[in-house]
Amino acid sequence: LHMGKTMKEDLTVVAKYINKLYPPEFNVFSIYAELYHTYFASQAKKNAESHLEDKDIYLLLSWVHNFYPKDMRKDHALATELDKVKLGSLLPSSLSKELENKYLDSEEVTVKNSLSRCLDKEIQRWREDKEPEKINGHFQSELLGIFVIQSIYSSQKRAEDISKAVGEELSRRLLKELPAFLRSYRDAFEDFKEKSKKHRYYKPILIANINNCWNFR
């Protein structure tokens, strides 16, 4: 963040004031921009090659795909000059791809585990002597029907915020996880239906789960 802010502010000064003090053939702005970019890219590469937590990988990818090429280099005060320089990406494509795969693997596992924990909690609630909650006057599981969908949607949205390609790849992966989760949900529900017919709230629980199906569709 500090490097990005410094680079943006300094290059703005160069573009507005320093550039016009030199003959055009000196390419003053280009020299400044290339030197800043080289240093920024070297630091990004150094970070990318070190051990990073998942949140750090996400932030670095956001800089590579989003903040640096869009928010900073498309700034109205810099865009015209920077378009002449053609600085390239902060990271080599192979290293960027490696980070993307790490992020996608981690996010896929996180969502998968989150869905599994959610189903375990829901099964536990079926076993309790409590009536299911009502949403808009209808029995429904907020934990299952809403949490699962939000988990998948928010994960996709975060990935899309990095880049369209990363978002599409995560969507493809999660579209495999959702049917697997739904099969586990169905099996657990069928087991409850068979073994818990004497449950005090058997019928409301059935209704709540039937109502969940519409949300999942």
C-alpha atoms as a PDB file:
ATOM      1  CA  LEU A   1       0.000   0.000   0.000  1.00  0.00           C
ATOM      2  CA  HIS A   2       2.829   2.390   0.869  1.00  0.00           C
ATOM      3  CA  MET A   3       4.692   1.626  -2.365  1.00  0.00           C
ATOM      4  CA  GLY A   4       1.554   1.990  -4.438  1.00  0.00           C
ATOM      5  CA  LYS A   5       0.629   5.309  -2.858  1.00  0.00           C
ATOM      6  CA  THR A   6       4.191   6.636  -3.193  1.00  0.00           C
ATOM      7  CA  MET A   7       4.468   5.579  -6.828  1.00  0.00           C
ATOM      8  CA  LYS A   8       1.104   7.112  -7.733  1.00  0.00           C
ATOM      9  CA  GLU A   9       1.762  10.412  -5.962  1.00  0.00           C
ATOM     10  CA  ASP A  10       5.324  10.784  -7.241  1.00  0.00           C
ATOM     11  CA  LEU A  11       4.438   9.950 -10.844  1.00  0.00           C
ATOM     12  CA  THR A  12       1.590  12.450 -10.668  1.00  0.00           C
ATOM     13  CA  VAL A  13       4.127  15.147  -9.709  1.00  0.00           C
ATOM     14  CA  VAL A  14       6.387  14.026 -12.566  1.00  0.00           C
ATOM     15  CA  ALA A  15       3.501  14.105 -15.070  1.00  0.00           C
ATOM     16  CA  LYS A  16       2.204  17.517 -13.968  1.00  0.00           C
ATOM     17  CA  TYR A  17       5.367  19.447 -13.232  1.00  0.00           C
ATOM     18  CA  ILE A  18       8.718  17.746 -13.893  1.00  0.00           C
ATOM     19  CA  ASN A  19       8.008  16.299 -17.334  1.00  0.00           C
ATOM     20  CA  LYS A  20       7.604  19.698 -18.989  1.00  0.00           C
ATOM     21  CA  LEU A  21      10.923  20.974 -17.634  1.00  0.00           C
ATOM     22  CA  TYR A  22      12.875  18.587 -19.912  1.00  0.00           C
ATOM     23  CA  PRO A  23      13.016  18.150 -23.700  1.00  0.00           C
ATOM     24  CA  PRO A  24      10.663  15.391 -24.961  1.00  0.00           C
ATOM     25  CA  GLU A  25      13.575  13.191 -26.092  1.00  0.00           C
ATOM     26  CA  PHE A  26      14.682  12.824 -22.467  1.00  0.00           C
ATOM     27  CA  ASN A  27      11.580  10.658 -21.804  1.00  0.00           C
ATOM     28  CA  VAL A  28      11.651  11.765 -18.192  1.00  0.00           C
ATOM     29  CA  PHE A  29       8.265  10.321 -17.251  1.00  0.00           C
ATOM     30  CA  SER A  30       9.092   6.966 -18.852  1.00  0.00           C
ATOM     31  CA  ILE A  31      12.362   6.717 -16.919  1.00  0.00           C
ATOM     32  CA  TYR A  32      10.660   7.474 -13.600  1.00  0.00           C
ATOM     33  CA  ALA A  33       7.788   5.071 -14.327  1.00  0.00           C
ATOM     34  CA  GLU A  34      10.077   2.215 -15.390  1.00  0.00           C
ATOM     35  CA  LEU A  35      12.287   2.602 -12.318  1.00  0.00           C
ATOM     36  CA  TYR A  36       9.316   2.682  -9.943  1.00  0.00           C
ATOM     37  CA  HIS A  37       7.740  -0.280 -11.715  1.00  0.00           C
ATOM     38  CA  THR A  38      10.961  -2.306 -11.612  1.00  0.00           C
ATOM     39  CA  TYR A  39      11.295  -1.775  -7.866  1.00  0.00           C
ATOM     40  CA  PHE A  40       7.607  -2.411  -7.166  1.00  0.00           C
ATOM     41  CA  ALA A  41       7.687  -5.594  -9.276  1.00  0.00           C
ATOM     42  CA  SER A  42      10.829  -6.843  -7.527  1.00  0.00           C
ATOM     43  CA  GLN A  43       9.164  -6.424  -4.126  1.00  0.00           C
ATOM     44  CA  ALA A  44       5.982  -8.128  -5.329  1.00  0.00           C
ATOM     45  CA  LYS A  45       8.043 -11.045  -6.667  1.00  0.00           C
ATOM     46  CA  LYS A  46       9.964 -11.275  -3.401  1.00  0.00           C
ATOM     47  CA  ASN A  47       6.708 -11.439  -1.456  1.00  0.00           C
ATOM     48  CA  ALA A  48       5.180 -13.950  -3.866  1.00  0.00           C
ATOM     49  CA  GLU A  49       8.117 -16.309  -3.411  1.00  0.00           C
ATOM     50  CA  SER A  50       7.929 -16.201   0.395  1.00  0.00           C
ATOM     51  CA  HIS A  51       5.504 -18.094   2.612  1.00  0.00           C
ATOM     52  CA  LEU A  52       2.170 -16.297   2.430  1.00  0.00           C
ATOM     53  CA  GLU A  53      -1.043 -16.735   4.369  1.00  0.00           C
ATOM     54  CA  ASP A  54      -4.232 -17.106   2.334  1.00  0.00           C
ATOM     55  CA  LYS A  55      -5.297 -13.500   2.972  1.00  0.00           C
ATOM     56  CA  ASP A  56      -1.878 -12.274   1.789  1.00  0.00           C
ATOM     57  CA  ILE A  57      -2.148 -14.280  -1.424  1.00  0.00           C
ATOM     58  CA  TYR A  58      -5.557 -12.730  -2.040  1.00  0.00           C
ATOM     59  CA  LEU A  59      -4.207  -9.219  -1.446  1.00  0.00           C
ATOM     60  CA  LEU A  60      -1.183  -9.726  -3.684  1.00  0.00           C
ATOM     61  CA  LEU A  61      -3.334 -11.113  -6.500  1.00  0.00           C
ATOM     62  CA  SER A  62      -5.671  -8.148  -6.070  1.00  0.00           C
ATOM     63  CA  TRP A  63      -2.697  -5.843  -6.625  1.00  0.00           C
ATOM     64  CA  VAL A  64      -1.484  -7.771  -9.656  1.00  0.00           C
ATOM     65  CA  HIS A  65      -4.856  -8.009 -11.418  1.00  0.00           C
ATOM     66  CA  ASN A  66      -6.836  -5.104 -10.061  1.00  0.00           C
ATOM     67  CA  PHE A  67      -5.349  -2.286  -7.998  1.00  0.00           C
ATOM     68  CA  TYR A  68      -2.137  -1.828  -9.999  1.00  0.00           C
ATOM     69  CA  PRO A  69      -3.387  -2.085 -13.605  1.00  0.00           C
ATOM     70  CA  LYS A  70      -6.769  -0.419 -12.984  1.00  0.00           C
ATOM     71  CA  ASP A  71      -7.015   1.803  -9.929  1.00  0.00           C
ATOM     72  CA  MET A  72      -3.478   3.157 -10.114  1.00  0.00           C
ATOM     73  CA  ARG A  73      -2.368   3.025 -13.743  1.00  0.00           C
ATOM     74  CA  LYS A  74      -5.744   4.138 -15.078  1.00  0.00           C
ATOM     75  CA  ASP A  75      -5.785   7.213 -12.838  1.00  0.00           C
ATOM     76  CA  HIS A  76      -6.879  10.193 -14.951  1.00  0.00           C
ATOM     77  CA  ALA A  77      -3.683  12.112 -14.181  1.00  0.00           C
ATOM     78  CA  LEU A  78      -1.426   9.211 -15.220  1.00  0.00           C
ATOM     79  CA  ALA A  79      -3.273   7.106 -17.795  1.00  0.00           C
ATOM     80  CA  THR A  80      -2.156   9.004 -20.900  1.00  0.00           C
ATOM     81  CA  GLU A  81       1.521   8.986 -19.944  1.00  0.00           C
ATOM     82  CA  LEU A  82       1.515   5.402 -18.644  1.00  0.00           C
ATOM     83  CA  ASP A  83      -0.107   4.093 -21.824  1.00  0.00           C
ATOM     84  CA  LYS A  84       3.033   5.210 -23.669  1.00  0.00           C
ATOM     85  CA  VAL A  85       5.335   3.271 -21.334  1.00  0.00           C
ATOM     86  CA  LYS A  86       3.751  -0.235 -21.389  1.00  0.00           C
ATOM     87  CA  LEU A  87       4.998  -1.351 -17.983  1.00  0.00           C
ATOM     88  CA  GLY A  88       3.550  -4.861 -17.926  1.00  0.00           C
ATOM     89  CA  SER A  89       2.424  -6.897 -14.916  1.00  0.00           C
ATOM     90  CA  LEU A  90       3.773  -6.787 -11.371  1.00  0.00           C
ATOM     91  CA  LEU A  91       4.507 -10.531 -11.478  1.00  0.00           C
ATOM     92  CA  PRO A  92       5.709 -12.963 -14.147  1.00  0.00           C
ATOM     93  CA  SER A  93       2.728 -14.885 -15.537  1.00  0.00           C
ATOM     94  CA  SER A  94       4.044 -18.234 -14.231  1.00  0.00           C
ATOM     95  CA  LEU A  95       4.332 -16.918 -10.670  1.00  0.00           C
ATOM     96  CA  SER A  96       0.961 -15.207 -10.879  1.00  0.00           C
ATOM     97  CA  LYS A  97      -0.605 -18.474 -12.071  1.00  0.00           C
ATOM     98  CA  GLU A  98       1.028 -20.354  -9.212  1.00  0.00           C
ATOM     99  CA  LEU A  99      -0.496 -17.939  -6.683  1.00  0.00           C
ATOM    100  CA  GLU A 100      -3.883 -18.175  -8.375  1.00  0.00           C
ATOM    101  CA  ASN A 101      -3.841 -21.962  -8.057  1.00  0.00           C
ATOM    102  CA  LYS A 102      -2.886 -21.729  -4.375  1.00  0.00           C
ATOM    103  CA  TYR A 103      -5.717 -19.291  -3.781  1.00  0.00           C
ATOM    104  CA  LEU A 104      -8.255 -21.428  -5.681  1.00  0.00           C
ATOM    105  CA  ASP A 105      -7.214 -24.621  -3.875  1.00  0.00           C
ATOM    106  CA  SER A 106      -7.472 -22.905  -0.495  1.00  0.00           C
ATOM    107  CA  GLU A 107     -10.815 -21.245  -1.247  1.00  0.00           C
ATOM    108  CA  GLU A 108     -12.290 -24.499  -2.535  1.00  0.00           C
ATOM    109  CA  VAL A 109     -11.292 -26.334   0.656  1.00  0.00           C
ATOM    110  CA  THR A 110     -12.566 -23.468   2.828  1.00  0.00           C
ATOM    111  CA  VAL A 111     -15.996 -23.495   1.188  1.00  0.00           C
ATOM    112  CA  LYS A 112     -16.172 -27.295   1.273  1.00  0.00           C
ATOM    113  CA  ASN A 113     -15.377 -27.379   4.999  1.00  0.00           C
ATOM    114  CA  SER A 114     -17.793 -24.538   5.674  1.00  0.00           C
ATOM    115  CA  LEU A 115     -20.640 -26.405   3.964  1.00  0.00           C
ATOM    116  CA  SER A 116     -19.799 -29.581   5.846  1.00  0.00           C
ATOM    117  CA  ARG A 117     -19.844 -27.795   9.221  1.00  0.00           C
ATOM    118  CA  CYS A 118     -23.121 -26.141   8.299  1.00  0.00           C
ATOM    119  CA  LEU A 119     -24.740 -29.493   7.531  1.00  0.00           C
ATOM    120  CA  ASP A 120     -23.434 -30.982  10.792  1.00  0.00           C
ATOM    121  CA  LYS A 121     -25.017 -28.092  12.725  1.00  0.00           C
ATOM    122  CA  GLU A 122     -28.282 -28.553  10.858  1.00  0.00           C
ATOM    123  CA  ILE A 123     -28.394 -32.275  11.631  1.00  0.00           C
ATOM    124  CA  GLN A 124     -27.772 -31.454  15.284  1.00  0.00           C
ATOM    125  CA  ARG A 125     -30.693 -29.025  15.229  1.00  0.00           C
ATOM    126  CA  TRP A 126     -32.986 -31.740  13.843  1.00  0.00           C
ATOM    127  CA  ARG A 127     -32.163 -33.834  16.894  1.00  0.00           C
ATOM    128  CA  GLU A 128     -33.017 -31.082  19.353  1.00  0.00           C
ATOM    129  CA  ASP A 129     -36.465 -30.768  20.889  1.00  0.00           C
ATOM    130  CA  LYS A 130     -37.113 -27.449  19.152  1.00  0.00           C
ATOM    131  CA  GLU A 131     -39.465 -26.287  16.446  1.00  0.00           C
ATOM    132  CA  PRO A 132     -37.718 -25.036  13.282  1.00  0.00           C
ATOM    133  CA  GLU A 133     -37.588 -21.283  12.792  1.00  0.00           C
ATOM    134  CA  LYS A 134     -40.017 -19.493  10.532  1.00  0.00           C
ATOM    135  CA  ILE A 135     -38.996 -17.049   7.824  1.00  0.00           C
ATOM    136  CA  ASN A 136     -41.798 -14.918   6.388  1.00  0.00           C
ATOM    137  CA  GLY A 137     -44.287 -17.189   8.089  1.00  0.00           C
ATOM    138  CA  HIS A 138     -42.899 -20.441   6.662  1.00  0.00           C
ATOM    139  CA  PHE A 139     -40.777 -23.146   8.272  1.00  0.00           C
ATOM    140  CA  GLN A 140     -37.304 -22.892   6.854  1.00  0.00           C
ATOM    141  CA  SER A 141     -33.685 -23.280   7.851  1.00  0.00           C
ATOM    142  CA  GLU A 142     -31.864 -19.964   7.727  1.00  0.00           C
ATOM    143  CA  LEU A 143     -28.630 -21.731   8.645  1.00  0.00           C
ATOM    144  CA  LEU A 144     -28.819 -24.192   5.767  1.00  0.00           C
ATOM    145  CA  GLY A 145     -30.809 -22.558   3.001  1.00  0.00           C
ATOM    146  CA  ILE A 146     -29.330 -19.080   3.348  1.00  0.00           C
ATOM    147  CA  PHE A 147     -25.846 -19.670   4.772  1.00  0.00           C
ATOM    148  CA  VAL A 148     -24.879 -22.227   2.124  1.00  0.00           C
ATOM    149  CA  ILE A 149     -25.952 -20.014  -0.765  1.00  0.00           C
ATOM    150  CA  GLN A 150     -24.275 -16.951   0.737  1.00  0.00           C
ATOM    151  CA  SER A 151     -21.041 -18.873   1.346  1.00  0.00           C
ATOM    152  CA  ILE A 152     -20.826 -19.917  -2.287  1.00  0.00           C
ATOM    153  CA  TYR A 153     -21.911 -16.540  -3.651  1.00  0.00           C
ATOM    154  CA  SER A 154     -19.525 -14.494  -1.487  1.00  0.00           C
ATOM    155  CA  SER A 155     -16.637 -16.808  -2.374  1.00  0.00           C
ATOM    156  CA  GLN A 156     -17.370 -16.390  -6.086  1.00  0.00           C
ATOM    157  CA  LYS A 157     -17.655 -12.617  -5.687  1.00  0.00           C
ATOM    158  CA  ARG A 158     -14.262 -12.367  -3.944  1.00  0.00           C
ATOM    159  CA  ALA A 159     -12.658 -14.383  -6.735  1.00  0.00           C
ATOM    160  CA  GLU A 160     -14.292 -12.235  -9.431  1.00  0.00           C
ATOM    161  CA  ASP A 161     -12.903  -9.156  -7.690  1.00  0.00           C
ATOM    162  CA  ILE A 162      -9.408 -10.496  -8.425  1.00  0.00           C
ATOM    163  CA  SER A 163     -10.122 -11.178 -12.095  1.00  0.00           C
ATOM    164  CA  LYS A 164     -12.836 -12.567 -14.343  1.00  0.00           C
ATOM    165  CA  ALA A 165     -10.737 -15.649 -15.140  1.00  0.00           C
ATOM    166  CA  VAL A 166     -10.126 -16.476 -11.455  1.00  0.00           C
ATOM    167  CA  GLY A 167     -13.831 -16.000 -10.746  1.00  0.00           C
ATOM    168  CA  GLU A 168     -14.826 -18.347 -13.568  1.00  0.00           C
ATOM    169  CA  GLU A 169     -12.391 -21.030 -12.438  1.00  0.00           C
ATOM    170  CA  LEU A 170     -13.621 -20.914  -8.844  1.00  0.00           C
ATOM    171  CA  SER A 171     -17.235 -21.046 -10.050  1.00  0.00           C
ATOM    172  CA  ARG A 172     -16.383 -24.155 -12.049  1.00  0.00           C
ATOM    173  CA  ARG A 173     -14.848 -25.805  -8.991  1.00  0.00           C
ATOM    174  CA  LEU A 174     -17.688 -24.850  -6.647  1.00  0.00           C
ATOM    175  CA  LEU A 175     -20.261 -26.185  -9.097  1.00  0.00           C
ATOM    176  CA  LYS A 176     -18.725 -29.580  -8.324  1.00  0.00           C
ATOM    177  CA  GLU A 177     -18.819 -29.038  -4.566  1.00  0.00           C
ATOM    178  CA  LEU A 178     -22.472 -27.979  -4.419  1.00  0.00           C
ATOM    179  CA  PRO A 179     -23.912 -31.268  -5.828  1.00  0.00           C
ATOM    180  CA  ALA A 180     -21.653 -33.214  -3.458  1.00  0.00           C
ATOM    181  CA  PHE A 181     -22.997 -31.181  -0.544  1.00  0.00           C
ATOM    182  CA  LEU A 182     -26.598 -31.624  -1.715  1.00  0.00           C
ATOM    183  CA  ARG A 183     -26.134 -35.403  -1.904  1.00  0.00           C
ATOM    184  CA  SER A 184     -24.856 -35.426   1.683  1.00  0.00           C
ATOM    185  CA  TYR A 185     -27.782 -33.237   2.717  1.00  0.00           C
ATOM    186  CA  ARG A 186     -30.270 -35.534   0.983  1.00  0.00           C
ATOM    187  CA  ASP A 187     -28.773 -38.668   2.580  1.00  0.00           C
ATOM    188  CA  ALA A 188     -28.848 -37.092   6.048  1.00  0.00           C
ATOM    189  CA  PHE A 189     -32.426 -35.940   5.565  1.00  0.00           C
ATOM    190  CA  GLU A 190     -33.558 -39.363   4.334  1.00  0.00           C
ATOM    191  CA  ASP A 191     -31.942 -40.895   7.412  1.00  0.00           C
ATOM    192  CA  PHE A 192     -33.818 -38.456   9.661  1.00  0.00           C
ATOM    193  CA  LYS A 193     -37.115 -39.209   7.925  1.00  0.00           C
ATOM    194  CA  GLU A 194     -36.700 -42.934   8.489  1.00  0.00           C
ATOM    195  CA  LYS A 195     -35.434 -42.888  12.057  1.00  0.00           C
ATOM    196  CA  SER A 196     -37.141 -39.902  13.677  1.00  0.00           C
ATOM    197  CA  LYS A 197     -40.839 -40.309  12.974  1.00  0.00           C
ATOM    198  CA  LYS A 198     -41.641 -39.946  16.671  1.00  0.00           C
ATOM    199  CA  HIS A 199     -39.816 -36.639  16.933  1.00  0.00           C
ATOM    200  CA  ARG A 200     -42.043 -33.985  18.499  1.00  0.00           C
ATOM    201  CA  TYR A 201     -41.488 -31.606  15.571  1.00  0.00           C
ATOM    202  CA  TYR A 202     -41.143 -34.228  12.843  1.00  0.00           C
ATOM    203  CA  LYS A 203     -43.623 -32.596  10.447  1.00  0.00           C
ATOM    204  CA  PRO A 204     -42.341 -28.983  10.810  1.00  0.00           C
ATOM    205  CA  ILE A 205     -38.781 -30.224  10.201  1.00  0.00           C
ATOM    206  CA  LEU A 206     -39.910 -31.995   7.036  1.00  0.00           C
ATOM    207  CA  ILE A 207     -41.669 -28.846   5.838  1.00  0.00           C
ATOM    208  CA  ALA A 208     -38.626 -26.681   6.602  1.00  0.00           C
ATOM    209  CA  ASN A 209     -36.374 -28.929   4.534  1.00  0.00           C
ATOM    210  CA  ILE A 210     -38.827 -29.105   1.639  1.00  0.00           C
ATOM    211  CA  ASN A 211     -38.948 -25.302   1.642  1.00  0.00           C
ATOM    212  CA  ASN A 212     -35.136 -25.207   1.500  1.00  0.00           C
ATOM    213  CA  CYS A 213     -35.235 -26.980  -1.850  1.00  0.00           C
ATOM    214  CA  TRP A 214     -36.659 -23.935  -3.612  1.00  0.00           C
ATOM    215  CA  ASN A 215     -33.717 -21.790  -2.446  1.00  0.00           C
ATOM    216  CA  PHE A 216     -31.197 -24.365  -3.617  1.00  0.00           C
ATOM    217  CA  ARG A 217     -32.804 -24.502  -7.052  1.00  0.00           C
END
